[in-house]
Amino acid sequence: MSKDKYAGLSLTERLTQAGIFTLFSRAVKSGDTITMTTLLQQVNYPLDAAEATATTFLNDPNAFPHQE
């Protein structure tokens, strides 16, 4: 049985643990929803949740406060 290594972690913790925090932050800053969605899926966000989260950050980049 496979266990989700990101279970219980915040988005920032997931991105940091996966080593993609900076890439995600750059995608938010540039409004690149495709990259945001792809990176979110890498940390076990389902596609619909990844797309919704990317849209949130596209509409309000300040919702992701840890940008570079």
N, C-alpha and C. Protein backbone atom coordinates (compact mmCIF):
# COMPACT_ATOMS: atom_id res chain seq x y z
N MET A 1 0.84 -1.18 0.00
CA MET A 1 0.00 0.00 0.00
C MET A 1 0.89 1.25 0.00
N SER A 2 0.63 2.16 -0.93
CA SER A 2 1.43 3.37 -1.07
C SER A 2 0.90 4.46 -0.15
N LYS A 3 1.79 5.11 0.55
CA LYS A 3 1.38 6.17 1.47
C LYS A 3 1.78 7.53 0.87
N ASP A 4 0.88 8.50 0.94
CA ASP A 4 1.13 9.83 0.41
C ASP A 4 2.13 10.55 1.32
N LYS A 5 3.34 10.76 0.79
CA LYS A 5 4.38 11.39 1.62
C LYS A 5 4.10 12.86 1.88
N TYR A 6 3.11 13.43 1.19
CA TYR A 6 2.76 14.84 1.39
C TYR A 6 1.51 15.02 2.26
N ALA A 7 0.92 13.93 2.71
CA ALA A 7 -0.29 14.01 3.52
C ALA A 7 -0.04 14.85 4.77
N GLY A 8 -0.93 15.78 5.03
CA GLY A 8 -0.83 16.61 6.22
C GLY A 8 0.08 17.81 6.09
N LEU A 9 0.75 17.96 4.94
CA LEU A 9 1.66 19.08 4.75
C LEU A 9 0.96 20.24 4.06
N SER A 10 1.36 21.44 4.40
CA SER A 10 0.84 22.63 3.71
C SER A 10 1.41 22.67 2.30
N LEU A 11 0.85 23.55 1.48
CA LEU A 11 1.36 23.71 0.12
C LEU A 11 2.84 24.07 0.14
N THR A 12 3.22 25.03 0.95
CA THR A 12 4.62 25.45 1.03
C THR A 12 5.52 24.29 1.45
N GLU A 13 5.07 23.52 2.43
CA GLU A 13 5.86 22.37 2.89
C GLU A 13 6.00 21.33 1.78
N ARG A 14 4.92 21.08 1.06
CA ARG A 14 4.97 20.11 -0.04
C ARG A 14 5.97 20.56 -1.11
N LEU A 15 5.85 21.81 -1.52
CA LEU A 15 6.73 22.33 -2.56
C LEU A 15 8.19 22.31 -2.12
N THR A 16 8.43 22.66 -0.88
CA THR A 16 9.79 22.67 -0.35
C THR A 16 10.35 21.25 -0.28
N GLN A 17 9.56 20.33 0.23
CA GLN A 17 10.01 18.94 0.34
C GLN A 17 10.33 18.36 -1.04
N ALA A 18 9.55 18.74 -2.04
CA ALA A 18 9.76 18.23 -3.40
C ALA A 18 10.89 18.96 -4.12
N GLY A 19 11.38 20.05 -3.54
CA GLY A 19 12.46 20.81 -4.16
C GLY A 19 12.01 21.68 -5.32
N ILE A 20 10.73 22.04 -5.34
CA ILE A 20 10.20 22.83 -6.46
C ILE A 20 9.57 24.14 -6.01
N PHE A 21 9.86 24.55 -4.79
CA PHE A 21 9.27 25.79 -4.27
C PHE A 21 9.62 26.99 -5.16
N THR A 22 10.88 27.14 -5.52
CA THR A 22 11.30 28.28 -6.33
C THR A 22 10.65 28.26 -7.71
N LEU A 23 10.57 27.09 -8.31
CA LEU A 23 9.92 26.97 -9.62
C LEU A 23 8.45 27.39 -9.52
N PHE A 24 7.78 26.95 -8.47
CA PHE A 24 6.37 27.31 -8.30
C PHE A 24 6.22 28.81 -8.06
N SER A 25 7.07 29.35 -7.23
CA SER A 25 7.02 30.78 -6.94
C SER A 25 7.20 31.61 -8.22
N ARG A 26 8.12 31.19 -9.06
CA ARG A 26 8.33 31.89 -10.34
C ARG A 26 7.11 31.77 -11.24
N ALA A 27 6.48 30.60 -11.24
CA ALA A 27 5.28 30.40 -12.05
C ALA A 27 4.14 31.30 -11.57
N VAL A 28 4.00 31.45 -10.26
CA VAL A 28 2.98 32.34 -9.71
C VAL A 28 3.27 33.78 -10.14
N LYS A 29 4.51 34.17 -9.98
CA LYS A 29 4.92 35.54 -10.31
C LYS A 29 4.67 35.87 -11.78
N SER A 30 4.89 34.90 -12.66
CA SER A 30 4.72 35.13 -14.10
C SER A 30 3.31 34.81 -14.60
N GLY A 31 2.45 34.26 -13.73
CA GLY A 31 1.09 33.92 -14.13
C GLY A 31 1.01 32.68 -14.99
N ASP A 32 1.98 31.78 -14.87
CA ASP A 32 2.06 30.57 -15.68
C ASP A 32 1.23 29.44 -15.04
N THR A 33 -0.06 29.40 -15.38
CA THR A 33 -0.95 28.43 -14.75
C THR A 33 -0.64 26.99 -15.17
N ILE A 34 -0.12 26.79 -16.36
CA ILE A 34 0.23 25.43 -16.80
C ILE A 34 1.33 24.87 -15.92
N THR A 35 2.37 25.66 -15.68
CA THR A 35 3.47 25.21 -14.82
C THR A 35 2.98 25.03 -13.39
N MET A 36 2.17 25.97 -12.90
CA MET A 36 1.64 25.83 -11.54
C MET A 36 0.88 24.52 -11.40
N THR A 37 0.00 24.23 -12.36
CA THR A 37 -0.80 23.01 -12.31
C THR A 37 0.07 21.77 -12.34
N THR A 38 1.06 21.76 -13.22
CA THR A 38 1.97 20.62 -13.33
C THR A 38 2.74 20.39 -12.03
N LEU A 39 3.24 21.46 -11.45
CA LEU A 39 4.00 21.33 -10.20
C LEU A 39 3.11 20.89 -9.05
N LEU A 40 1.89 21.40 -9.01
CA LEU A 40 0.96 20.98 -7.95
C LEU A 40 0.64 19.49 -8.05
N GLN A 41 0.51 19.00 -9.27
CA GLN A 41 0.26 17.57 -9.45
C GLN A 41 1.46 16.74 -8.98
N GLN A 42 2.66 17.29 -9.07
CA GLN A 42 3.85 16.58 -8.61
C GLN A 42 3.84 16.39 -7.09
N VAL A 43 3.10 17.23 -6.38
CA VAL A 43 3.00 17.09 -4.92
C VAL A 43 1.63 16.56 -4.52
N ASN A 44 1.07 15.75 -5.43
CA ASN A 44 -0.14 14.97 -5.19
C ASN A 44 -1.43 15.78 -5.06
N TYR A 45 -1.49 16.91 -5.75
CA TYR A 45 -2.78 17.60 -5.88
C TYR A 45 -3.51 16.95 -7.05
N PRO A 46 -4.78 16.59 -6.88
CA PRO A 46 -5.55 16.09 -8.02
C PRO A 46 -5.69 17.21 -9.07
N LEU A 47 -5.89 16.84 -10.32
CA LEU A 47 -5.94 17.82 -11.40
C LEU A 47 -6.93 18.94 -11.12
N ASP A 48 -8.13 18.62 -10.68
CA ASP A 48 -9.13 19.67 -10.44
C ASP A 48 -8.69 20.63 -9.34
N ALA A 49 -8.09 20.11 -8.29
CA ALA A 49 -7.60 20.96 -7.20
C ALA A 49 -6.40 21.79 -7.65
N ALA A 50 -5.53 21.19 -8.46
CA ALA A 50 -4.36 21.92 -8.97
C ALA A 50 -4.81 23.08 -9.86
N GLU A 51 -5.78 22.82 -10.73
CA GLU A 51 -6.28 23.88 -11.61
C GLU A 51 -6.96 24.99 -10.82
N ALA A 52 -7.74 24.64 -9.82
CA ALA A 52 -8.41 25.64 -8.98
C ALA A 52 -7.40 26.48 -8.21
N THR A 53 -6.38 25.84 -7.69
CA THR A 53 -5.34 26.55 -6.94
C THR A 53 -4.57 27.49 -7.86
N ALA A 54 -4.21 27.01 -9.05
CA ALA A 54 -3.50 27.85 -10.02
C ALA A 54 -4.34 29.07 -10.40
N THR A 55 -5.64 28.87 -10.59
CA THR A 55 -6.53 29.97 -10.92
C THR A 55 -6.60 30.99 -9.80
N THR A 56 -6.62 30.49 -8.57
CA THR A 56 -6.62 31.39 -7.41
C THR A 56 -5.38 32.28 -7.42
N PHE A 57 -4.22 31.68 -7.67
CA PHE A 57 -2.98 32.45 -7.68
C PHE A 57 -2.87 33.35 -8.90
N LEU A 58 -3.48 32.95 -10.01
CA LEU A 58 -3.51 33.80 -11.20
C LEU A 58 -4.33 35.06 -10.91
N ASN A 59 -5.47 34.87 -10.26
CA ASN A 59 -6.35 36.00 -9.94
C ASN A 59 -5.83 36.87 -8.81
N ASP A 60 -5.05 36.27 -7.91
CA ASP A 60 -4.50 37.01 -6.77
C ASP A 60 -3.14 36.45 -6.40
N PRO A 61 -2.08 36.90 -7.11
CA PRO A 61 -0.73 36.38 -6.82
C PRO A 61 -0.32 36.57 -5.35
N ASN A 62 -0.89 37.55 -4.68
CA ASN A 62 -0.55 37.77 -3.28
C ASN A 62 -1.11 36.68 -2.35
N ALA A 63 -1.98 35.84 -2.89
CA ALA A 63 -2.50 34.71 -2.11
C ALA A 63 -1.38 33.70 -1.84
N PHE A 64 -0.32 33.74 -2.63
CA PHE A 64 0.87 32.93 -2.40
C PHE A 64 1.96 33.89 -1.92
N PRO A 65 2.05 34.09 -0.62
CA PRO A 65 2.88 35.18 -0.08
C PRO A 65 4.39 34.95 -0.10
N HIS A 66 4.82 33.76 -0.42
CA HIS A 66 6.25 33.46 -0.31
C HIS A 66 6.96 33.54 -1.65
N GLN A 67 6.62 34.51 -2.45
CA GLN A 67 7.26 34.64 -3.76
C GLN A 67 8.68 35.14 -3.59
N GLU A 68 9.50 34.83 -4.60
CA GLU A 68 10.91 35.29 -4.58
C GLU A 68 10.97 36.79 -4.60
